[in-house]
């Protein structure tokens, strides 16, 4: 059921995109030959006025067919006979509809649960954030010179910098300050003991709260309530100290001295190698704020701008090799993420809010990606129209068809790669 809801939500985003093309075309007086839900062989169709509305076999996406869009037409109502500005508006109508629908989704979510801000919540003592001098209530403005609008901006820039020391500009009251921020890098391959601490930082991070099943900690006899005080005779005061010494020891036996019920106990543990993904420990949390309708609308627009900018950045990082093609998420992983958003929601209202939230993000990403200047995307067609405006005449239909075909082949090859990559990521992680 969760997957079905996610597929329907993703299809709704694509249908809204095509509806944008359809509405602008109708407003411009262009004859719409067909509006189809899904692709493949036709299951059902009905004609209303001059447009055939159809339902097709494969439940993915939608498309709009305009007269004069794919073949020559002398009709005054054909797409190809309309002025340049009208044709550009029709092509841009899809992405614009994505942005408008995302704006509506976000306004609903922000009105109910508030919106993310760059204002810091509690800063735990001993965390990288505290060591950098960041304080509760600080508003982060820039990360390494780049403006940040959403917490996701902060984490994206930190990841693309590979966690290197970076300058953070912040607002503290009426004063602007700069601090050097160095996140803790947790490597993809790491040795673990397998316990959870009472606190992530500080003295309480050496106090064992729970034991991971089938872990070295369980095998070695570590118990909840134990306080780790030494590893191989070396005193430790934080979990960061423990992690550092465990990485140095790797898979060699390690003597763990704990304080248990007021007495010292000595245990022998053998760290285990864990395969994961690299992530960065910051100690940061960001406040969720609330506001009136004007502020909600403003924050929704800011969110949309932030995601559009992230798509542009990601495209640039992809071209420069900072981001791998394997990090692209296709429809399979998108459906998986949407399904998880549904499954983690205990109530119907939270299911709807989480779906609206992730649907807004995906809708913006689809709209922005379609505007990239790549053949076979809306942005590629807009680029051809801009060239037409500069040249004063359109490209020949044959040349435009060749460009579109090359773009389509490349796009399909990318789609197949992303699809298989999605499956590999989901099956093998």
Protein backbone atom coordinates (compact mmCIF):
# COMPACT_ATOMS: atom_id res chain seq x y z
CA UNK A 1 0.00 0.00 0.00
CA UNK A 2 2.85 2.41 0.87
CA UNK A 3 4.52 1.80 -2.50
CA UNK A 4 1.20 2.26 -4.33
CA UNK A 5 0.64 5.62 -2.60
CA UNK A 6 4.20 6.68 -3.49
CA UNK A 7 3.75 5.71 -7.17
CA UNK A 8 0.47 7.65 -7.34
CA UNK A 9 2.13 10.70 -5.74
CA UNK A 10 5.04 10.59 -8.20
CA UNK A 11 2.66 10.22 -11.13
CA UNK A 12 0.66 13.19 -9.87
CA UNK A 13 3.80 15.34 -10.03
CA UNK A 14 4.45 14.32 -13.64
CA UNK A 15 0.78 14.76 -14.59
CA UNK A 16 0.81 18.28 -13.13
CA UNK A 17 3.89 19.01 -15.25
CA UNK A 18 2.08 17.97 -18.43
CA UNK A 19 -1.03 19.81 -17.30
CA UNK A 20 1.07 22.98 -17.28
CA UNK A 21 1.94 22.47 -20.95
CA UNK A 22 -1.71 21.69 -21.72
CA UNK A 23 -3.21 24.75 -19.99
CA UNK A 24 -0.79 27.22 -21.59
CA UNK A 25 -1.32 25.63 -25.02
CA UNK A 26 -5.11 25.88 -24.66
CA UNK A 27 -4.85 29.49 -23.48
CA UNK A 28 -2.71 30.28 -26.54
CA UNK A 29 -5.26 28.73 -28.92
CA UNK A 30 -3.07 25.79 -29.91
CA UNK A 31 -4.92 22.62 -30.88
CA UNK A 32 -4.20 19.86 -28.35
CA UNK A 33 -4.54 16.50 -30.10
CA UNK A 34 -4.13 14.24 -27.07
CA UNK A 35 -3.67 14.35 -23.31
CA UNK A 36 -2.63 10.91 -22.12
CA UNK A 37 -2.20 9.47 -18.66
CA UNK A 38 0.66 6.97 -18.72
CA UNK A 39 2.45 5.42 -21.73
CA UNK A 40 2.18 2.35 -23.94
CA UNK A 41 -0.82 0.80 -25.70
CA UNK A 42 -4.07 2.67 -25.29
CA UNK A 43 -6.52 1.11 -22.82
CA UNK A 44 -9.28 3.71 -22.96
CA UNK A 45 -9.91 7.02 -24.67
CA UNK A 46 -12.63 9.59 -25.03
CA UNK A 47 -12.78 12.69 -27.17
CA UNK A 48 -13.88 15.96 -25.68
CA UNK A 49 -14.01 18.74 -28.24
CA UNK A 50 -10.86 18.48 -30.34
CA UNK A 51 -8.76 16.68 -27.70
CA UNK A 52 -8.53 12.94 -27.09
CA UNK A 53 -8.10 12.04 -23.43
CA UNK A 54 -6.58 8.58 -23.05
CA UNK A 55 -5.44 6.08 -20.46
CA UNK A 56 -2.50 3.83 -21.41
CA UNK A 57 -1.08 0.55 -20.16
CA UNK A 58 2.14 1.41 -18.32
CA UNK A 59 1.34 3.48 -15.20
CA UNK A 60 4.20 5.93 -15.48
CA UNK A 61 3.97 9.62 -16.36
CA UNK A 62 1.81 11.42 -18.89
CA UNK A 63 2.19 13.34 -22.14
CA UNK A 64 0.52 16.07 -24.21
CA UNK A 65 0.51 16.00 -28.02
CA UNK A 66 0.13 19.35 -29.76
CA UNK A 67 -0.62 19.91 -33.43
CA UNK A 68 2.52 20.95 -35.29
CA UNK A 69 4.82 19.93 -32.46
CA UNK A 70 6.24 16.74 -33.97
CA UNK A 71 5.22 17.08 -37.64
CA UNK A 72 4.67 19.90 -40.09
CA UNK A 73 1.29 21.64 -40.04
CA UNK A 74 0.04 24.67 -41.95
CA UNK A 75 -2.81 25.33 -39.51
CA UNK A 76 -2.78 28.72 -37.84
CA UNK A 77 -3.53 26.88 -34.59
CA UNK A 78 -0.49 24.61 -34.78
CA UNK A 79 2.34 24.94 -32.26
CA UNK A 80 4.91 25.60 -34.96
CA UNK A 81 2.97 28.57 -36.39
CA UNK A 82 2.69 30.43 -33.09
CA UNK A 83 5.01 33.35 -32.24
CA UNK A 84 8.29 32.54 -30.51
CA UNK A 85 7.17 33.94 -27.15
CA UNK A 86 4.04 31.75 -27.19
CA UNK A 87 6.02 28.60 -27.97
CA UNK A 88 8.47 29.40 -25.18
CA UNK A 89 5.58 29.93 -22.76
CA UNK A 90 4.06 26.55 -23.68
CA UNK A 91 7.37 24.75 -23.11
CA UNK A 92 7.99 26.58 -19.83
CA UNK A 93 4.45 25.84 -18.67
CA UNK A 94 5.39 22.37 -17.37
CA UNK A 95 8.21 23.43 -15.03
CA UNK A 96 6.23 26.49 -13.90
CA UNK A 97 3.32 24.22 -12.95
CA UNK A 98 5.77 22.08 -10.94
CA UNK A 99 6.91 25.16 -9.03
CA UNK A 100 3.36 26.41 -8.44
CA UNK A 101 2.14 23.02 -7.18
CA UNK A 102 5.20 22.79 -4.91
CA UNK A 103 4.42 26.29 -3.61
CA UNK A 104 0.91 25.12 -2.67
CA UNK A 105 2.20 21.92 -1.03
CA UNK A 106 4.80 23.84 0.98
CA UNK A 107 2.35 26.48 2.17
CA UNK A 108 0.10 23.74 3.54
CA UNK A 109 3.01 21.99 5.30
CA UNK A 110 4.52 25.20 6.69
CA UNK A 111 1.12 26.37 7.95
CA UNK A 112 0.63 23.14 9.91
CA UNK A 113 4.10 22.23 11.23
CA UNK A 114 6.24 25.32 10.57
CA UNK A 115 9.32 25.76 8.38
CA UNK A 116 13.02 25.03 8.78
CA UNK A 117 15.30 27.93 9.55
CA UNK A 118 19.03 28.57 9.78
CA UNK A 119 18.69 29.49 13.47
CA UNK A 120 20.60 27.05 15.67
CA UNK A 121 18.90 25.02 18.36
CA UNK A 122 20.78 23.71 21.42
CA UNK A 123 24.53 23.26 20.80
CA UNK A 124 25.82 20.24 22.79
CA UNK A 125 29.03 20.87 24.75
CA UNK A 126 31.99 19.03 23.23
CA UNK A 127 30.43 18.85 19.76
CA UNK A 128 32.19 20.20 16.64
CA UNK A 129 29.66 23.07 16.63
CA UNK A 130 30.56 23.99 20.23
CA UNK A 131 34.29 23.70 19.53
CA UNK A 132 33.83 26.15 16.64
CA UNK A 133 32.23 28.64 19.02
CA UNK A 134 28.69 28.37 17.64
CA UNK A 135 25.90 29.13 20.10
CA UNK A 136 22.18 28.51 20.45
CA UNK A 137 20.25 31.22 18.60
CA UNK A 138 23.00 31.95 16.05
CA UNK A 139 21.68 32.35 12.50
CA UNK A 140 24.03 30.83 9.92
CA UNK A 141 24.34 33.03 6.82
CA UNK A 142 27.11 31.54 4.69
CA UNK A 143 29.19 28.38 4.43
CA UNK A 144 32.60 28.97 2.83
CA UNK A 145 31.26 32.11 1.17
CA UNK A 146 28.10 30.48 -0.22
CA UNK A 147 24.74 31.74 1.04
CA UNK A 148 22.68 29.11 2.87
CA UNK A 149 18.88 29.29 2.96
CA UNK A 150 17.99 25.82 4.26
CA UNK A 151 19.76 23.28 6.49
CA UNK A 152 20.06 21.08 3.37
CA UNK A 153 22.22 23.81 1.77
CA UNK A 154 24.58 23.67 4.74
CA UNK A 155 24.94 19.89 4.61
CA UNK A 156 25.34 19.85 0.80
CA UNK A 157 28.20 22.36 0.90
CA UNK A 158 29.82 20.50 3.79
CA UNK A 159 29.63 17.21 1.87
CA UNK A 160 30.98 18.68 -1.37
CA UNK A 161 33.88 20.15 0.67
CA UNK A 162 34.50 16.62 2.05
CA UNK A 163 34.22 17.96 5.57
CA UNK A 164 37.28 20.20 5.26
CA UNK A 165 37.66 23.13 7.70
CA UNK A 166 35.36 25.90 6.46
CA UNK A 167 34.48 29.45 7.37
CA UNK A 168 30.94 29.97 8.64
CA UNK A 169 29.47 33.46 8.67
CA UNK A 170 26.73 33.94 11.22
CA UNK A 171 24.45 36.54 12.76
CA UNK A 172 24.48 36.76 16.58
CA UNK A 173 22.07 39.45 17.68
CA UNK A 174 23.11 42.63 15.86
CA UNK A 175 26.64 41.34 15.27
CA UNK A 176 28.02 39.39 12.32
CA UNK A 177 30.80 36.94 13.11
CA UNK A 178 32.96 34.36 11.38
CA UNK A 179 34.09 31.05 12.87
CA UNK A 180 36.19 28.14 11.63
CA UNK A 181 34.06 25.00 11.55
CA UNK A 182 35.59 21.51 11.43
CA UNK A 183 33.07 18.62 11.38
CA UNK A 184 34.07 15.19 12.62
CA UNK A 185 34.44 12.89 9.61
CA UNK A 186 32.99 9.41 10.20
CA UNK A 187 34.60 7.22 7.52
CA UNK A 188 32.67 4.72 5.41
CA UNK A 189 34.83 1.87 6.73
CA UNK A 190 35.05 2.07 10.51
CA UNK A 191 35.74 -0.25 13.41
CA UNK A 192 33.04 -0.39 16.06
CA UNK A 193 32.46 -1.86 19.50
CA UNK A 194 28.68 -1.75 19.14
CA UNK A 195 27.16 0.31 21.93
CA UNK A 196 25.04 3.42 22.18
CA UNK A 197 26.09 6.20 24.55
CA UNK A 198 23.86 8.16 26.91
CA UNK A 199 24.90 11.38 25.14
CA UNK A 200 26.65 11.96 21.80
CA UNK A 201 29.28 14.31 23.28
CA UNK A 202 30.98 15.15 26.55
CA UNK A 203 31.50 13.02 29.66
CA UNK A 204 28.16 11.21 29.36
CA UNK A 205 29.20 9.92 25.93
CA UNK A 206 31.33 7.28 27.71
CA UNK A 207 28.27 5.97 29.61
CA UNK A 208 26.78 2.91 27.87
CA UNK A 209 23.02 3.23 27.34
CA UNK A 210 22.37 0.18 25.15
CA UNK A 211 24.21 -2.70 23.48
CA UNK A 212 23.84 -3.50 19.77
CA UNK A 213 22.78 -7.16 19.32
CA UNK A 214 25.48 -9.53 17.95
CA UNK A 215 28.14 -6.85 18.40
CA UNK A 216 31.65 -7.05 19.88
CA UNK A 217 30.28 -5.21 22.92
CA UNK A 218 27.71 -7.96 23.51
CA UNK A 219 30.26 -10.72 22.93
CA UNK A 220 32.74 -9.07 25.33
CA UNK A 221 30.25 -8.60 28.16
CA UNK A 222 29.75 -4.83 28.06
CA UNK A 223 26.51 -3.86 29.85
CA UNK A 224 24.15 -0.88 29.90
CA UNK A 225 25.19 1.39 32.76
CA UNK A 226 28.92 0.68 32.32
CA UNK A 227 31.11 3.76 32.05
CA UNK A 228 34.17 3.25 29.84
CA UNK A 229 37.19 4.86 31.50
CA UNK A 230 40.23 3.30 29.76
CA UNK A 231 41.15 1.50 26.53
CA UNK A 232 44.40 -0.49 26.68
CA UNK A 233 45.30 1.56 29.73
CA UNK A 234 44.74 4.93 28.07
CA UNK A 235 42.17 7.17 29.81
CA UNK A 236 39.16 8.24 27.72
CA UNK A 237 36.78 11.07 28.57
CA UNK A 238 34.52 11.17 25.48
CA UNK A 239 33.19 8.79 22.86
CA UNK A 240 35.37 10.64 20.34
CA UNK A 241 38.42 9.42 22.32
CA UNK A 242 37.01 5.88 22.25
CA UNK A 243 36.40 5.98 18.47
CA UNK A 244 39.89 7.30 17.78
CA UNK A 245 41.59 4.55 19.79
CA UNK A 246 39.35 1.83 18.31
CA UNK A 247 40.25 2.97 14.76
CA UNK A 248 43.92 2.79 15.68
CA UNK A 249 43.52 -0.72 17.12
CA UNK A 250 41.42 -1.91 14.14
CA UNK A 251 40.54 -5.61 14.52
CA UNK A 252 43.06 -6.39 17.28
CA UNK A 253 41.82 -7.31 20.79
CA UNK A 254 41.45 -4.31 23.04
CA UNK A 255 41.30 -4.16 26.84
CA UNK A 256 38.31 -2.11 27.95
CA UNK A 257 38.20 -0.92 31.54
CA UNK A 258 34.75 0.09 32.78
CA UNK A 259 33.31 1.43 35.97
CA UNK A 260 30.44 -0.88 36.92
CA UNK A 261 28.43 -0.31 40.14
CA UNK A 262 31.32 1.67 41.60
CA UNK A 263 33.97 -0.97 40.79
CA UNK A 264 36.41 -1.28 37.92
CA UNK A 265 35.93 -4.24 35.58
CA UNK A 266 38.23 -5.32 32.74
CA UNK A 267 36.81 -6.72 29.50
CA UNK A 268 38.37 -8.00 26.27
CA UNK A 269 36.67 -6.77 23.06
CA UNK A 270 37.63 -7.27 19.42
CA UNK A 271 36.46 -4.33 17.25
CA UNK A 272 34.51 -5.23 14.11
CA UNK A 273 34.80 -3.54 10.71
CA UNK A 274 31.56 -1.90 9.62
CA UNK A 275 30.87 -0.92 6.02
CA UNK A 276 28.68 2.17 5.65
CA UNK A 277 28.81 5.59 4.05
CA UNK A 278 30.96 8.54 5.01
CA UNK A 279 29.08 11.13 7.03
CA UNK A 280 29.91 14.20 9.05
CA UNK A 281 29.15 14.70 12.72
CA UNK A 282 28.39 18.34 13.49
CA UNK A 283 26.32 18.63 16.66
CA UNK A 284 24.10 21.10 14.84
CA UNK A 285 20.33 21.32 15.06
CA UNK A 286 18.15 23.92 13.38
CA UNK A 287 14.98 25.42 14.76
CA UNK A 288 11.58 25.02 13.15
CA UNK A 289 9.78 28.37 13.16
CA UNK A 290 6.21 29.52 12.57
CA UNK A 291 4.81 32.68 11.03
CA UNK A 292 1.81 34.33 9.45
CA UNK A 293 0.61 33.77 5.89
CA UNK A 294 3.05 36.34 4.47
CA UNK A 295 6.05 34.69 6.11
CA UNK A 296 4.83 31.21 5.11
CA UNK A 297 4.60 32.29 1.47
CA UNK A 298 8.03 33.94 1.65
CA UNK A 299 9.64 30.84 3.17
CA UNK A 300 8.01 28.60 0.55
CA UNK A 301 9.47 30.78 -2.23
CA UNK A 302 12.88 30.74 -0.52
CA UNK A 303 12.69 26.93 -0.25
CA UNK A 304 11.86 26.62 -3.97
CA UNK A 305 14.77 28.90 -4.89
CA UNK A 306 17.09 26.87 -2.66
CA UNK A 307 16.16 23.57 -4.33
CA UNK A 308 16.43 25.05 -7.84
CA UNK A 309 19.89 26.37 -6.96
CA UNK A 310 20.84 22.93 -5.59
CA UNK A 311 19.83 21.31 -8.91
CA UNK A 312 22.04 23.78 -10.80
CA UNK A 313 24.93 23.22 -8.38
CA UNK A 314 24.51 19.44 -8.64
CA UNK A 315 24.60 19.60 -12.43
CA UNK A 316 27.84 21.58 -12.23
CA UNK A 317 29.31 19.18 -9.66
CA UNK A 318 28.34 16.28 -11.92
CA UNK A 319 30.15 17.81 -14.89
CA UNK A 320 33.27 18.56 -12.81
CA UNK A 321 33.35 15.10 -11.24
CA UNK A 322 32.65 16.26 -7.67
CA UNK A 323 29.47 14.19 -7.72
CA UNK A 324 29.27 10.69 -9.20
CA UNK A 325 26.56 9.51 -11.57
CA UNK A 326 25.86 6.74 -9.06
CA UNK A 327 24.56 9.38 -6.64
CA UNK A 328 21.70 10.28 -8.98
CA UNK A 329 18.31 9.07 -7.75
CA UNK A 330 15.84 7.78 -10.32
CA UNK A 331 12.17 6.80 -10.11
CA UNK A 332 12.80 3.57 -8.19
CA UNK A 333 14.67 5.27 -5.35
CA UNK A 334 12.27 8.23 -5.41
CA UNK A 335 9.32 5.86 -4.96
CA UNK A 336 11.28 4.12 -2.19
CA UNK A 337 11.87 7.43 -0.38
CA UNK A 338 8.23 8.42 -0.71
CA UNK A 339 7.16 4.98 0.52
CA UNK A 340 9.41 5.35 3.57
CA UNK A 341 7.90 8.77 4.29
CA UNK A 342 4.49 7.07 4.36
CA UNK A 343 5.58 4.05 6.43
CA UNK A 344 7.25 6.20 9.11
CA UNK A 345 4.10 8.28 9.62
CA UNK A 346 1.90 6.98 12.46
CA UNK A 347 -1.23 8.95 11.57
CA UNK A 348 -3.11 9.82 8.40
CA UNK A 349 -2.45 13.54 8.87
CA UNK A 350 1.31 12.93 9.16
CA UNK A 351 1.21 10.66 6.11
CA UNK A 352 -0.37 13.46 4.09
CA UNK A 353 2.03 16.11 5.44
CA UNK A 354 5.11 13.97 4.77
CA UNK A 355 3.85 13.14 1.28
CA UNK A 356 3.20 16.82 0.56
CA UNK A 357 6.64 17.73 1.85
CA UNK A 358 8.59 15.20 -0.21
CA UNK A 359 6.27 15.74 -3.22
CA UNK A 360 7.12 19.45 -3.10
CA UNK A 361 10.84 18.66 -3.10
CA UNK A 362 10.55 16.21 -6.00
CA UNK A 363 8.24 18.53 -7.96
CA UNK A 364 10.76 21.38 -7.70
CA UNK A 365 13.62 19.06 -8.65
CA UNK A 366 11.71 17.77 -11.70
CA UNK A 367 10.80 21.30 -12.78
CA UNK A 368 14.36 22.58 -12.34
CA UNK A 369 15.93 19.55 -14.04
CA UNK A 370 13.60 20.00 -17.02
CA UNK A 371 14.89 23.55 -17.40
CA UNK A 372 18.51 22.42 -17.77
CA UNK A 373 19.78 23.23 -21.31
CA UNK A 374 19.91 19.60 -22.43
CA UNK A 375 18.36 18.32 -25.69
CA UNK A 376 15.03 16.50 -25.21
CA UNK A 377 14.37 18.44 -21.98
CA UNK A 378 12.24 21.58 -21.83
CA UNK A 379 15.40 23.59 -21.18
CA UNK A 380 16.97 22.25 -24.37
CA UNK A 381 13.94 23.33 -26.39
CA UNK A 382 13.99 26.76 -24.76
CA UNK A 383 17.67 27.06 -25.70
CA UNK A 384 16.79 26.33 -29.34
CA UNK A 385 14.08 29.00 -29.19
CA UNK A 386 16.59 31.50 -27.79
CA UNK A 387 18.96 30.67 -30.68
CA UNK A 388 16.03 31.17 -33.04
CA UNK A 389 15.45 34.62 -31.56
CA UNK A 390 19.13 35.51 -31.98
CA UNK A 391 19.33 34.17 -35.55
CA UNK A 392 15.99 35.64 -36.55
CA UNK A 393 14.85 32.32 -38.01
CA UNK A 394 14.22 28.82 -36.65
CA UNK A 395 16.43 25.82 -37.22
CA UNK A 396 15.30 23.57 -40.02
CA UNK A 397 12.89 20.87 -38.83
CA UNK A 398 15.40 18.22 -39.92
CA UNK A 399 18.22 19.71 -37.83
CA UNK A 400 15.98 20.23 -34.82
CA UNK A 401 14.77 16.64 -35.13
CA UNK A 402 18.37 15.35 -35.23
CA UNK A 403 19.29 17.36 -32.13
CA UNK A 404 16.21 16.11 -30.31
CA UNK A 405 16.89 12.52 -31.32
CA UNK A 406 20.50 12.66 -30.07
CA UNK A 407 19.28 14.20 -26.82
CA UNK A 408 16.55 11.59 -26.49
CA UNK A 409 19.00 8.72 -26.98
CA UNK A 410 21.39 10.17 -24.40
CA UNK A 411 18.51 10.78 -22.00
CA UNK A 412 17.25 7.22 -22.38
CA UNK A 413 20.76 5.86 -21.83
CA UNK A 414 21.01 7.94 -18.66
CA UNK A 415 17.55 6.79 -17.58
CA UNK A 416 18.51 3.12 -18.00
CA UNK A 417 21.75 3.69 -16.06
CA UNK A 418 19.93 5.46 -13.23
CA UNK A 419 17.24 2.76 -13.13
CA UNK A 420 19.78 -0.04 -12.75
CA UNK A 421 21.77 2.05 -10.27
CA UNK A 422 18.59 2.56 -8.21
CA UNK A 423 18.02 -1.19 -8.10
CA UNK A 424 21.66 -1.89 -7.15
CA UNK A 425 21.56 0.76 -4.40
CA UNK A 426 18.33 -0.62 -2.95
CA UNK A 427 19.38 -4.29 -3.11
CA UNK A 428 23.03 -4.01 -2.06
CA UNK A 429 23.02 -0.54 -0.42
